[in-house]
């Protein structure tokens, strides 16, 4: 999920830092 989010935000002026869920 984290890899997916980061891939969606590539090549953008704004850097996206993903926060993962604490629990399932």
PDBML (XML) file of the C-alpha atoms, coordinates in Angstrom:
<?xml version="1.0" encoding="UTF-8" ?>
<PDBx:datablock datablockName="MODEL"
   xmlns:PDBx="http://pdbml.pdb.org/schema/pdbx-v50.xsd"
   xmlns:xsi="http://www.w3.org/2001/XMLSchema-instance"
   xsi:schemaLocation="http://pdbml.pdb.org/schema/pdbx-v50.xsd pdbx-v50.xsd">
   <PDBx:atom_siteCategory>
      <PDBx:atom_site id="1">
         <PDBx:B_iso_or_equiv>0.00</PDBx:B_iso_or_equiv>
         <PDBx:Cartn_x>0.000</PDBx:Cartn_x>
         <PDBx:Cartn_y>0.000</PDBx:Cartn_y>
         <PDBx:Cartn_z>0.000</PDBx:Cartn_z>
         <PDBx:auth_asym_id>A</PDBx:auth_asym_id>
         <PDBx:auth_atom_id>CA</PDBx:auth_atom_id>
         <PDBx:auth_comp_id>UNK</PDBx:auth_comp_id>
         <PDBx:auth_seq_id>1</PDBx:auth_seq_id>
         <PDBx:group_PDB>ATOM</PDBx:group_PDB>
         <PDBx:label_alt_id xsi:nil="true" />
         <PDBx:label_asym_id>A</PDBx:label_asym_id>
         <PDBx:label_atom_id>CA</PDBx:label_atom_id>
         <PDBx:label_comp_id>UNK</PDBx:label_comp_id>
         <PDBx:label_entity_id>1</PDBx:label_entity_id>
         <PDBx:label_seq_id>1</PDBx:label_seq_id>
         <PDBx:occupancy>1.00</PDBx:occupancy>
         <PDBx:pdbx_PDB_model_num>1</PDBx:pdbx_PDB_model_num>
         <PDBx:type_symbol>C</PDBx:type_symbol>
      </PDBx:atom_site>
      <PDBx:atom_site id="2">
         <PDBx:B_iso_or_equiv>0.00</PDBx:B_iso_or_equiv>
         <PDBx:Cartn_x>2.828</PDBx:Cartn_x>
         <PDBx:Cartn_y>2.387</PDBx:Cartn_y>
         <PDBx:Cartn_z>0.865</PDBx:Cartn_z>
         <PDBx:auth_asym_id>A</PDBx:auth_asym_id>
         <PDBx:auth_atom_id>CA</PDBx:auth_atom_id>
         <PDBx:auth_comp_id>UNK</PDBx:auth_comp_id>
         <PDBx:auth_seq_id>2</PDBx:auth_seq_id>
         <PDBx:group_PDB>ATOM</PDBx:group_PDB>
         <PDBx:label_alt_id xsi:nil="true" />
         <PDBx:label_asym_id>A</PDBx:label_asym_id>
         <PDBx:label_atom_id>CA</PDBx:label_atom_id>
         <PDBx:label_comp_id>UNK</PDBx:label_comp_id>
         <PDBx:label_entity_id>1</PDBx:label_entity_id>
         <PDBx:label_seq_id>2</PDBx:label_seq_id>
         <PDBx:occupancy>1.00</PDBx:occupancy>
         <PDBx:pdbx_PDB_model_num>1</PDBx:pdbx_PDB_model_num>
         <PDBx:type_symbol>C</PDBx:type_symbol>
      </PDBx:atom_site>
      <PDBx:atom_site id="3">
         <PDBx:B_iso_or_equiv>0.00</PDBx:B_iso_or_equiv>
         <PDBx:Cartn_x>4.587</PDBx:Cartn_x>
         <PDBx:Cartn_y>1.596</PDBx:Cartn_y>
         <PDBx:Cartn_z>-2.422</PDBx:Cartn_z>
         <PDBx:auth_asym_id>A</PDBx:auth_asym_id>
         <PDBx:auth_atom_id>CA</PDBx:auth_atom_id>
         <PDBx:auth_comp_id>UNK</PDBx:auth_comp_id>
         <PDBx:auth_seq_id>3</PDBx:auth_seq_id>
         <PDBx:group_PDB>ATOM</PDBx:group_PDB>
         <PDBx:label_alt_id xsi:nil="true" />
         <PDBx:label_asym_id>A</PDBx:label_asym_id>
         <PDBx:label_atom_id>CA</PDBx:label_atom_id>
         <PDBx:label_comp_id>UNK</PDBx:label_comp_id>
         <PDBx:label_entity_id>1</PDBx:label_entity_id>
         <PDBx:label_seq_id>3</PDBx:label_seq_id>
         <PDBx:occupancy>1.00</PDBx:occupancy>
         <PDBx:pdbx_PDB_model_num>1</PDBx:pdbx_PDB_model_num>
         <PDBx:type_symbol>C</PDBx:type_symbol>
      </PDBx:atom_site>
      <PDBx:atom_site id="4">
         <PDBx:B_iso_or_equiv>0.00</PDBx:B_iso_or_equiv>
         <PDBx:Cartn_x>1.342</PDBx:Cartn_x>
         <PDBx:Cartn_y>2.279</PDBx:Cartn_y>
         <PDBx:Cartn_z>-4.313</PDBx:Cartn_z>
         <PDBx:auth_asym_id>A</PDBx:auth_asym_id>
         <PDBx:auth_atom_id>CA</PDBx:auth_atom_id>
         <PDBx:auth_comp_id>UNK</PDBx:auth_comp_id>
         <PDBx:auth_seq_id>4</PDBx:auth_seq_id>
         <PDBx:group_PDB>ATOM</PDBx:group_PDB>
         <PDBx:label_alt_id xsi:nil="true" />
         <PDBx:label_asym_id>A</PDBx:label_asym_id>
         <PDBx:label_atom_id>CA</PDBx:label_atom_id>
         <PDBx:label_comp_id>UNK</PDBx:label_comp_id>
         <PDBx:label_entity_id>1</PDBx:label_entity_id>
         <PDBx:label_seq_id>4</PDBx:label_seq_id>
         <PDBx:occupancy>1.00</PDBx:occupancy>
         <PDBx:pdbx_PDB_model_num>1</PDBx:pdbx_PDB_model_num>
         <PDBx:type_symbol>C</PDBx:type_symbol>
      </PDBx:atom_site>
      <PDBx:atom_site id="5">
         <PDBx:B_iso_or_equiv>0.00</PDBx:B_iso_or_equiv>
         <PDBx:Cartn_x>0.845</PDBx:Cartn_x>
         <PDBx:Cartn_y>5.661</PDBx:Cartn_y>
         <PDBx:Cartn_z>-2.644</PDBx:Cartn_z>
         <PDBx:auth_asym_id>A</PDBx:auth_asym_id>
         <PDBx:auth_atom_id>CA</PDBx:auth_atom_id>
         <PDBx:auth_comp_id>UNK</PDBx:auth_comp_id>
         <PDBx:auth_seq_id>5</PDBx:auth_seq_id>
         <PDBx:group_PDB>ATOM</PDBx:group_PDB>
         <PDBx:label_alt_id xsi:nil="true" />
         <PDBx:label_asym_id>A</PDBx:label_asym_id>
         <PDBx:label_atom_id>CA</PDBx:label_atom_id>
         <PDBx:label_comp_id>UNK</PDBx:label_comp_id>
         <PDBx:label_entity_id>1</PDBx:label_entity_id>
         <PDBx:label_seq_id>5</PDBx:label_seq_id>
         <PDBx:occupancy>1.00</PDBx:occupancy>
         <PDBx:pdbx_PDB_model_num>1</PDBx:pdbx_PDB_model_num>
         <PDBx:type_symbol>C</PDBx:type_symbol>
      </PDBx:atom_site>
      <PDBx:atom_site id="6">
         <PDBx:B_iso_or_equiv>0.00</PDBx:B_iso_or_equiv>
         <PDBx:Cartn_x>4.419</PDBx:Cartn_x>
         <PDBx:Cartn_y>6.725</PDBx:Cartn_y>
         <PDBx:Cartn_z>-3.317</PDBx:Cartn_z>
         <PDBx:auth_asym_id>A</PDBx:auth_asym_id>
         <PDBx:auth_atom_id>CA</PDBx:auth_atom_id>
         <PDBx:auth_comp_id>UNK</PDBx:auth_comp_id>
         <PDBx:auth_seq_id>6</PDBx:auth_seq_id>
         <PDBx:group_PDB>ATOM</PDBx:group_PDB>
         <PDBx:label_alt_id xsi:nil="true" />
         <PDBx:label_asym_id>A</PDBx:label_asym_id>
         <PDBx:label_atom_id>CA</PDBx:label_atom_id>
         <PDBx:label_comp_id>UNK</PDBx:label_comp_id>
         <PDBx:label_entity_id>1</PDBx:label_entity_id>
         <PDBx:label_seq_id>6</PDBx:label_seq_id>
         <PDBx:occupancy>1.00</PDBx:occupancy>
         <PDBx:pdbx_PDB_model_num>1</PDBx:pdbx_PDB_model_num>
         <PDBx:type_symbol>C</PDBx:type_symbol>
      </PDBx:atom_site>
      <PDBx:atom_site id="7">
         <PDBx:B_iso_or_equiv>0.00</PDBx:B_iso_or_equiv>
         <PDBx:Cartn_x>4.181</PDBx:Cartn_x>
         <PDBx:Cartn_y>5.666</PDBx:Cartn_y>
         <PDBx:Cartn_z>-6.955</PDBx:Cartn_z>
         <PDBx:auth_asym_id>A</PDBx:auth_asym_id>
         <PDBx:auth_atom_id>CA</PDBx:auth_atom_id>
         <PDBx:auth_comp_id>UNK</PDBx:auth_comp_id>
         <PDBx:auth_seq_id>7</PDBx:auth_seq_id>
         <PDBx:group_PDB>ATOM</PDBx:group_PDB>
         <PDBx:label_alt_id xsi:nil="true" />
         <PDBx:label_asym_id>A</PDBx:label_asym_id>
         <PDBx:label_atom_id>CA</PDBx:label_atom_id>
         <PDBx:label_comp_id>UNK</PDBx:label_comp_id>
         <PDBx:label_entity_id>1</PDBx:label_entity_id>
         <PDBx:label_seq_id>7</PDBx:label_seq_id>
         <PDBx:occupancy>1.00</PDBx:occupancy>
         <PDBx:pdbx_PDB_model_num>1</PDBx:pdbx_PDB_model_num>
         <PDBx:type_symbol>C</PDBx:type_symbol>
      </PDBx:atom_site>
      <PDBx:atom_site id="8">
         <PDBx:B_iso_or_equiv>0.00</PDBx:B_iso_or_equiv>
         <PDBx:Cartn_x>1.027</PDBx:Cartn_x>
         <PDBx:Cartn_y>7.754</PDBx:Cartn_y>
         <PDBx:Cartn_z>-7.430</PDBx:Cartn_z>
         <PDBx:auth_asym_id>A</PDBx:auth_asym_id>
         <PDBx:auth_atom_id>CA</PDBx:auth_atom_id>
         <PDBx:auth_comp_id>UNK</PDBx:auth_comp_id>
         <PDBx:auth_seq_id>8</PDBx:auth_seq_id>
         <PDBx:group_PDB>ATOM</PDBx:group_PDB>
         <PDBx:label_alt_id xsi:nil="true" />
         <PDBx:label_asym_id>A</PDBx:label_asym_id>
         <PDBx:label_atom_id>CA</PDBx:label_atom_id>
         <PDBx:label_comp_id>UNK</PDBx:label_comp_id>
         <PDBx:label_entity_id>1</PDBx:label_entity_id>
         <PDBx:label_seq_id>8</PDBx:label_seq_id>
         <PDBx:occupancy>1.00</PDBx:occupancy>
         <PDBx:pdbx_PDB_model_num>1</PDBx:pdbx_PDB_model_num>
         <PDBx:type_symbol>C</PDBx:type_symbol>
      </PDBx:atom_site>
      <PDBx:atom_site id="9">
         <PDBx:B_iso_or_equiv>0.00</PDBx:B_iso_or_equiv>
         <PDBx:Cartn_x>2.856</PDBx:Cartn_x>
         <PDBx:Cartn_y>10.821</PDBx:Cartn_y>
         <PDBx:Cartn_z>-6.110</PDBx:Cartn_z>
         <PDBx:auth_asym_id>A</PDBx:auth_asym_id>
         <PDBx:auth_atom_id>CA</PDBx:auth_atom_id>
         <PDBx:auth_comp_id>UNK</PDBx:auth_comp_id>
         <PDBx:auth_seq_id>9</PDBx:auth_seq_id>
         <PDBx:group_PDB>ATOM</PDBx:group_PDB>
         <PDBx:label_alt_id xsi:nil="true" />
         <PDBx:label_asym_id>A</PDBx:label_asym_id>
         <PDBx:label_atom_id>CA</PDBx:label_atom_id>
         <PDBx:label_comp_id>UNK</PDBx:label_comp_id>
         <PDBx:label_entity_id>1</PDBx:label_entity_id>
         <PDBx:label_seq_id>9</PDBx:label_seq_id>
         <PDBx:occupancy>1.00</PDBx:occupancy>
         <PDBx:pdbx_PDB_model_num>1</PDBx:pdbx_PDB_model_num>
         <PDBx:type_symbol>C</PDBx:type_symbol>
      </PDBx:atom_site>
      <PDBx:atom_site id="10">
         <PDBx:B_iso_or_equiv>0.00</PDBx:B_iso_or_equiv>
         <PDBx:Cartn_x>5.967</PDBx:Cartn_x>
         <PDBx:Cartn_y>10.557</PDBx:Cartn_y>
         <PDBx:Cartn_z>-8.282</PDBx:Cartn_z>
         <PDBx:auth_asym_id>A</PDBx:auth_asym_id>
         <PDBx:auth_atom_id>CA</PDBx:auth_atom_id>
         <PDBx:auth_comp_id>UNK</PDBx:auth_comp_id>
         <PDBx:auth_seq_id>10</PDBx:auth_seq_id>
         <PDBx:group_PDB>ATOM</PDBx:group_PDB>
         <PDBx:label_alt_id xsi:nil="true" />
         <PDBx:label_asym_id>A</PDBx:label_asym_id>
         <PDBx:label_atom_id>CA</PDBx:label_atom_id>
         <PDBx:label_comp_id>UNK</PDBx:label_comp_id>
         <PDBx:label_entity_id>1</PDBx:label_entity_id>
         <PDBx:label_seq_id>10</PDBx:label_seq_id>
         <PDBx:occupancy>1.00</PDBx:occupancy>
         <PDBx:pdbx_PDB_model_num>1</PDBx:pdbx_PDB_model_num>
         <PDBx:type_symbol>C</PDBx:type_symbol>
      </PDBx:atom_site>
      <PDBx:atom_site id="11">
         <PDBx:B_iso_or_equiv>0.00</PDBx:B_iso_or_equiv>
         <PDBx:Cartn_x>7.171</PDBx:Cartn_x>
         <PDBx:Cartn_y>13.398</PDBx:Cartn_y>
         <PDBx:Cartn_z>-10.519</PDBx:Cartn_z>
         <PDBx:auth_asym_id>A</PDBx:auth_asym_id>
         <PDBx:auth_atom_id>CA</PDBx:auth_atom_id>
         <PDBx:auth_comp_id>UNK</PDBx:auth_comp_id>
         <PDBx:auth_seq_id>11</PDBx:auth_seq_id>
         <PDBx:group_PDB>ATOM</PDBx:group_PDB>
         <PDBx:label_alt_id xsi:nil="true" />
         <PDBx:label_asym_id>A</PDBx:label_asym_id>
         <PDBx:label_atom_id>CA</PDBx:label_atom_id>
         <PDBx:label_comp_id>UNK</PDBx:label_comp_id>
         <PDBx:label_entity_id>1</PDBx:label_entity_id>
         <PDBx:label_seq_id>11</PDBx:label_seq_id>
         <PDBx:occupancy>1.00</PDBx:occupancy>
         <PDBx:pdbx_PDB_model_num>1</PDBx:pdbx_PDB_model_num>
         <PDBx:type_symbol>C</PDBx:type_symbol>
      </PDBx:atom_site>
      <PDBx:atom_site id="12">
         <PDBx:B_iso_or_equiv>0.00</PDBx:B_iso_or_equiv>
         <PDBx:Cartn_x>5.313</PDBx:Cartn_x>
         <PDBx:Cartn_y>16.074</PDBx:Cartn_y>
         <PDBx:Cartn_z>-8.604</PDBx:Cartn_z>
         <PDBx:auth_asym_id>A</PDBx:auth_asym_id>
         <PDBx:auth_atom_id>CA</PDBx:auth_atom_id>
         <PDBx:auth_comp_id>UNK</PDBx:auth_comp_id>
         <PDBx:auth_seq_id>12</PDBx:auth_seq_id>
         <PDBx:group_PDB>ATOM</PDBx:group_PDB>
         <PDBx:label_alt_id xsi:nil="true" />
         <PDBx:label_asym_id>A</PDBx:label_asym_id>
         <PDBx:label_atom_id>CA</PDBx:label_atom_id>
         <PDBx:label_comp_id>UNK</PDBx:label_comp_id>
         <PDBx:label_entity_id>1</PDBx:label_entity_id>
         <PDBx:label_seq_id>12</PDBx:label_seq_id>
         <PDBx:occupancy>1.00</PDBx:occupancy>
         <PDBx:pdbx_PDB_model_num>1</PDBx:pdbx_PDB_model_num>
         <PDBx:type_symbol>C</PDBx:type_symbol>
      </PDBx:atom_site>
      <PDBx:atom_site id="13">
         <PDBx:B_iso_or_equiv>0.00</PDBx:B_iso_or_equiv>
         <PDBx:Cartn_x>6.366</PDBx:Cartn_x>
         <PDBx:Cartn_y>19.430</PDBx:Cartn_y>
         <PDBx:Cartn_z>-7.216</PDBx:Cartn_z>
         <PDBx:auth_asym_id>A</PDBx:auth_asym_id>
         <PDBx:auth_atom_id>CA</PDBx:auth_atom_id>
         <PDBx:auth_comp_id>UNK</PDBx:auth_comp_id>
         <PDBx:auth_seq_id>13</PDBx:auth_seq_id>
         <PDBx:group_PDB>ATOM</PDBx:group_PDB>
         <PDBx:label_alt_id xsi:nil="true" />
         <PDBx:label_asym_id>A</PDBx:label_asym_id>
         <PDBx:label_atom_id>CA</PDBx:label_atom_id>
         <PDBx:label_comp_id>UNK</PDBx:label_comp_id>
         <PDBx:label_entity_id>1</PDBx:label_entity_id>
         <PDBx:label_seq_id>13</PDBx:label_seq_id>
         <PDBx:occupancy>1.00</PDBx:occupancy>
         <PDBx:pdbx_PDB_model_num>1</PDBx:pdbx_PDB_model_num>
         <PDBx:type_symbol>C</PDBx:type_symbol>
      </PDBx:atom_site>
      <PDBx:atom_site id="14">
         <PDBx:B_iso_or_equiv>0.00</PDBx:B_iso_or_equiv>
         <PDBx:Cartn_x>4.940</PDBx:Cartn_x>
         <PDBx:Cartn_y>18.363</PDBx:Cartn_y>
         <PDBx:Cartn_z>-3.851</PDBx:Cartn_z>
         <PDBx:auth_asym_id>A</PDBx:auth_asym_id>
         <PDBx:auth_atom_id>CA</PDBx:auth_atom_id>
         <PDBx:auth_comp_id>UNK</PDBx:auth_comp_id>
         <PDBx:auth_seq_id>14</PDBx:auth_seq_id>
         <PDBx:group_PDB>ATOM</PDBx:group_PDB>
         <PDBx:label_alt_id xsi:nil="true" />
         <PDBx:label_asym_id>A</PDBx:label_asym_id>
         <PDBx:label_atom_id>CA</PDBx:label_atom_id>
         <PDBx:label_comp_id>UNK</PDBx:label_comp_id>
         <PDBx:label_entity_id>1</PDBx:label_entity_id>
         <PDBx:label_seq_id>14</PDBx:label_seq_id>
         <PDBx:occupancy>1.00</PDBx:occupancy>
         <PDBx:pdbx_PDB_model_num>1</PDBx:pdbx_PDB_model_num>
         <PDBx:type_symbol>C</PDBx:type_symbol>
      </PDBx:atom_site>
      <PDBx:atom_site id="15">
         <PDBx:B_iso_or_equiv>0.00</PDBx:B_iso_or_equiv>
         <PDBx:Cartn_x>6.508</PDBx:Cartn_x>
         <PDBx:Cartn_y>15.511</PDBx:Cartn_y>
         <PDBx:Cartn_z>-1.908</PDBx:Cartn_z>
         <PDBx:auth_asym_id>A</PDBx:auth_asym_id>
         <PDBx:auth_atom_id>CA</PDBx:auth_atom_id>
         <PDBx:auth_comp_id>UNK</PDBx:auth_comp_id>
         <PDBx:auth_seq_id>15</PDBx:auth_seq_id>
         <PDBx:group_PDB>ATOM</PDBx:group_PDB>
         <PDBx:label_alt_id xsi:nil="true" />
         <PDBx:label_asym_id>A</PDBx:label_asym_id>
         <PDBx:label_atom_id>CA</PDBx:label_atom_id>
         <PDBx:label_comp_id>UNK</PDBx:label_comp_id>
         <PDBx:label_entity_id>1</PDBx:label_entity_id>
         <PDBx:label_seq_id>15</PDBx:label_seq_id>
         <PDBx:occupancy>1.00</PDBx:occupancy>
         <PDBx:pdbx_PDB_model_num>1</PDBx:pdbx_PDB_model_num>
         <PDBx:type_symbol>C</PDBx:type_symbol>
      </PDBx:atom_site>
      <PDBx:atom_site id="16">
         <PDBx:B_iso_or_equiv>0.00</PDBx:B_iso_or_equiv>
         <PDBx:Cartn_x>3.993</PDBx:Cartn_x>
         <PDBx:Cartn_y>13.109</PDBx:Cartn_y>
         <PDBx:Cartn_z>-0.364</PDBx:Cartn_z>
         <PDBx:auth_asym_id>A</PDBx:auth_asym_id>
         <PDBx:auth_atom_id>CA</PDBx:auth_atom_id>
         <PDBx:auth_comp_id>UNK</PDBx:auth_comp_id>
         <PDBx:auth_seq_id>16</PDBx:auth_seq_id>
         <PDBx:group_PDB>ATOM</PDBx:group_PDB>
         <PDBx:label_alt_id xsi:nil="true" />
         <PDBx:label_asym_id>A</PDBx:label_asym_id>
         <PDBx:label_atom_id>CA</PDBx:label_atom_id>
         <PDBx:label_comp_id>UNK</PDBx:label_comp_id>
         <PDBx:label_entity_id>1</PDBx:label_entity_id>
         <PDBx:label_seq_id>16</PDBx:label_seq_id>
         <PDBx:occupancy>1.00</PDBx:occupancy>
         <PDBx:pdbx_PDB_model_num>1</PDBx:pdbx_PDB_model_num>
         <PDBx:type_symbol>C</PDBx:type_symbol>
      </PDBx:atom_site>
      <PDBx:atom_site id="17">
         <PDBx:B_iso_or_equiv>0.00</PDBx:B_iso_or_equiv>
         <PDBx:Cartn_x>4.949</PDBx:Cartn_x>
         <PDBx:Cartn_y>11.339</PDBx:Cartn_y>
         <PDBx:Cartn_z>2.860</PDBx:Cartn_z>
         <PDBx:auth_asym_id>A</PDBx:auth_asym_id>
         <PDBx:auth_atom_id>CA</PDBx:auth_atom_id>
         <PDBx:auth_comp_id>UNK</PDBx:auth_comp_id>
         <PDBx:auth_seq_id>17</PDBx:auth_seq_id>
         <PDBx:group_PDB>ATOM</PDBx:group_PDB>
         <PDBx:label_alt_id xsi:nil="true" />
         <PDBx:label_asym_id>A</PDBx:label_asym_id>
         <PDBx:label_atom_id>CA</PDBx:label_atom_id>
         <PDBx:label_comp_id>UNK</PDBx:label_comp_id>
         <PDBx:label_entity_id>1</PDBx:label_entity_id>
         <PDBx:label_seq_id>17</PDBx:label_seq_id>
         <PDBx:occupancy>1.00</PDBx:occupancy>
         <PDBx:pdbx_PDB_model_num>1</PDBx:pdbx_PDB_model_num>
         <PDBx:type_symbol>C</PDBx:type_symbol>
      </PDBx:atom_site>
      <PDBx:atom_site id="18">
         <PDBx:B_iso_or_equiv>0.00</PDBx:B_iso_or_equiv>
         <PDBx:Cartn_x>2.645</PDBx:Cartn_x>
         <PDBx:Cartn_y>8.364</PDBx:Cartn_y>
         <PDBx:Cartn_z>3.529</PDBx:Cartn_z>
         <PDBx:auth_asym_id>A</PDBx:auth_asym_id>
         <PDBx:auth_atom_id>CA</PDBx:auth_atom_id>
         <PDBx:auth_comp_id>UNK</PDBx:auth_comp_id>
         <PDBx:auth_seq_id>18</PDBx:auth_seq_id>
         <PDBx:group_PDB>ATOM</PDBx:group_PDB>
         <PDBx:label_alt_id xsi:nil="true" />
         <PDBx:label_asym_id>A</PDBx:label_asym_id>
         <PDBx:label_atom_id>CA</PDBx:label_atom_id>
         <PDBx:label_comp_id>UNK</PDBx:label_comp_id>
         <PDBx:label_entity_id>1</PDBx:label_entity_id>
         <PDBx:label_seq_id>18</PDBx:label_seq_id>
         <PDBx:occupancy>1.00</PDBx:occupancy>
         <PDBx:pdbx_PDB_model_num>1</PDBx:pdbx_PDB_model_num>
         <PDBx:type_symbol>C</PDBx:type_symbol>
      </PDBx:atom_site>
      <PDBx:atom_site id="19">
         <PDBx:B_iso_or_equiv>0.00</PDBx:B_iso_or_equiv>
         <PDBx:Cartn_x>1.413</PDBx:Cartn_x>
         <PDBx:Cartn_y>7.663</PDBx:Cartn_y>
         <PDBx:Cartn_z>7.055</PDBx:Cartn_z>
         <PDBx:auth_asym_id>A</PDBx:auth_asym_id>
         <PDBx:auth_atom_id>CA</PDBx:auth_atom_id>
         <PDBx:auth_comp_id>UNK</PDBx:auth_comp_id>
         <PDBx:auth_seq_id>19</PDBx:auth_seq_id>
         <PDBx:group_PDB>ATOM</PDBx:group_PDB>
         <PDBx:label_alt_id xsi:nil="true" />
         <PDBx:label_asym_id>A</PDBx:label_asym_id>
         <PDBx:label_atom_id>CA</PDBx:label_atom_id>
         <PDBx:label_comp_id>UNK</PDBx:label_comp_id>
         <PDBx:label_entity_id>1</PDBx:label_entity_id>
         <PDBx:label_seq_id>19</PDBx:label_seq_id>
         <PDBx:occupancy>1.00</PDBx:occupancy>
         <PDBx:pdbx_PDB_model_num>1</PDBx:pdbx_PDB_model_num>
         <PDBx:type_symbol>C</PDBx:type_symbol>
      </PDBx:atom_site>
      <PDBx:atom_site id="20">
         <PDBx:B_iso_or_equiv>0.00</PDBx:B_iso_or_equiv>
         <PDBx:Cartn_x>0.496</PDBx:Cartn_x>
         <PDBx:Cartn_y>3.999</PDBx:Cartn_y>
         <PDBx:Cartn_z>7.450</PDBx:Cartn_z>
         <PDBx:auth_asym_id>A</PDBx:auth_asym_id>
         <PDBx:auth_atom_id>CA</PDBx:auth_atom_id>
         <PDBx:auth_comp_id>UNK</PDBx:auth_comp_id>
         <PDBx:auth_seq_id>20</PDBx:auth_seq_id>
         <PDBx:group_PDB>ATOM</PDBx:group_PDB>
         <PDBx:label_alt_id xsi:nil="true" />
         <PDBx:label_asym_id>A</PDBx:label_asym_id>
         <PDBx:label_atom_id>CA</PDBx:label_atom_id>
         <PDBx:label_comp_id>UNK</PDBx:label_comp_id>
         <PDBx:label_entity_id>1</PDBx:label_entity_id>
         <PDBx:label_seq_id>20</PDBx:label_seq_id>
         <PDBx:occupancy>1.00</PDBx:occupancy>
         <PDBx:pdbx_PDB_model_num>1</PDBx:pdbx_PDB_model_num>
         <PDBx:type_symbol>C</PDBx:type_symbol>
      </PDBx:atom_site>
      <PDBx:atom_site id="21">
         <PDBx:B_iso_or_equiv>0.00</PDBx:B_iso_or_equiv>
         <PDBx:Cartn_x>-2.301</PDBx:Cartn_x>
         <PDBx:Cartn_y>2.678</PDBx:Cartn_y>
         <PDBx:Cartn_z>9.622</PDBx:Cartn_z>
         <PDBx:auth_asym_id>A</PDBx:auth_asym_id>
         <PDBx:auth_atom_id>CA</PDBx:auth_atom_id>
         <PDBx:auth_comp_id>UNK</PDBx:auth_comp_id>
         <PDBx:auth_seq_id>21</PDBx:auth_seq_id>
         <PDBx:group_PDB>ATOM</PDBx:group_PDB>
         <PDBx:label_alt_id xsi:nil="true" />
         <PDBx:label_asym_id>A</PDBx:label_asym_id>
         <PDBx:label_atom_id>CA</PDBx:label_atom_id>
         <PDBx:label_comp_id>UNK</PDBx:label_comp_id>
         <PDBx:label_entity_id>1</PDBx:label_entity_id>
         <PDBx:label_seq_id>21</PDBx:label_seq_id>
         <PDBx:occupancy>1.00</PDBx:occupancy>
         <PDBx:pdbx_PDB_model_num>1</PDBx:pdbx_PDB_model_num>
         <PDBx:type_symbol>C</PDBx:type_symbol>
      </PDBx:atom_site>
      <PDBx:atom_site id="22">
         <PDBx:B_iso_or_equiv>0.00</PDBx:B_iso_or_equiv>
         <PDBx:Cartn_x>-1.265</PDBx:Cartn_x>
         <PDBx:Cartn_y>1.665</PDBx:Cartn_y>
         <PDBx:Cartn_z>13.125</PDBx:Cartn_z>
         <PDBx:auth_asym_id>A</PDBx:auth_asym_id>
         <PDBx:auth_atom_id>CA</PDBx:auth_atom_id>
         <PDBx:auth_comp_id>UNK</PDBx:auth_comp_id>
         <PDBx:auth_seq_id>22</PDBx:auth_seq_id>
         <PDBx:group_PDB>ATOM</PDBx:group_PDB>
         <PDBx:label_alt_id xsi:nil="true" />
         <PDBx:label_asym_id>A</PDBx:label_asym_id>
         <PDBx:label_atom_id>CA</PDBx:label_atom_id>
         <PDBx:label_comp_id>UNK</PDBx:label_comp_id>
         <PDBx:label_entity_id>1</PDBx:label_entity_id>
         <PDBx:label_seq_id>22</PDBx:label_seq_id>
         <PDBx:occupancy>1.00</PDBx:occupancy>
         <PDBx:pdbx_PDB_model_num>1</PDBx:pdbx_PDB_model_num>
         <PDBx:type_symbol>C</PDBx:type_symbol>
      </PDBx:atom_site>
      <PDBx:atom_site id="23">
         <PDBx:B_iso_or_equiv>0.00</PDBx:B_iso_or_equiv>
         <PDBx:Cartn_x>-3.537</PDBx:Cartn_x>
         <PDBx:Cartn_y>-1.386</PDBx:Cartn_y>
         <PDBx:Cartn_z>13.178</PDBx:Cartn_z>
         <PDBx:auth_asym_id>A</PDBx:auth_asym_id>
         <PDBx:auth_atom_id>CA</PDBx:auth_atom_id>
         <PDBx:auth_comp_id>UNK</PDBx:auth_comp_id>
         <PDBx:auth_seq_id>23</PDBx:auth_seq_id>
         <PDBx:group_PDB>ATOM</PDBx:group_PDB>
         <PDBx:label_alt_id xsi:nil="true" />
         <PDBx:label_asym_id>A</PDBx:label_asym_id>
         <PDBx:label_atom_id>CA</PDBx:label_atom_id>
         <PDBx:label_comp_id>UNK</PDBx:label_comp_id>
         <PDBx:label_entity_id>1</PDBx:label_entity_id>
         <PDBx:label_seq_id>23</PDBx:label_seq_id>
         <PDBx:occupancy>1.00</PDBx:occupancy>
         <PDBx:pdbx_PDB_model_num>1</PDBx:pdbx_PDB_model_num>
         <PDBx:type_symbol>C</PDBx:type_symbol>
      </PDBx:atom_site>
      <PDBx:atom_site id="24">
         <PDBx:B_iso_or_equiv>0.00</PDBx:B_iso_or_equiv>
         <PDBx:Cartn_x>-4.848</PDBx:Cartn_x>
         <PDBx:Cartn_y>-3.736</PDBx:Cartn_y>
         <PDBx:Cartn_z>10.526</PDBx:Cartn_z>
         <PDBx:auth_asym_id>A</PDBx:auth_asym_id>
         <PDBx:auth_atom_id>CA</PDBx:auth_atom_id>
         <PDBx:auth_comp_id>UNK</PDBx:auth_comp_id>
         <PDBx:auth_seq_id>24</PDBx:auth_seq_id>
         <PDBx:group_PDB>ATOM</PDBx:group_PDB>
         <PDBx:label_alt_id xsi:nil="true" />
         <PDBx:label_asym_id>A</PDBx:label_asym_id>
         <PDBx:label_atom_id>CA</PDBx:label_atom_id>
         <PDBx:label_comp_id>UNK</PDBx:label_comp_id>
         <PDBx:label_entity_id>1</PDBx:label_entity_id>
         <PDBx:label_seq_id>24</PDBx:label_seq_id>
         <PDBx:occupancy>1.00</PDBx:occupancy>
         <PDBx:pdbx_PDB_model_num>1</PDBx:pdbx_PDB_model_num>
         <PDBx:type_symbol>C</PDBx:type_symbol>
      </PDBx:atom_site>
   </PDBx:atom_siteCategory>
</PDBx:datablock>
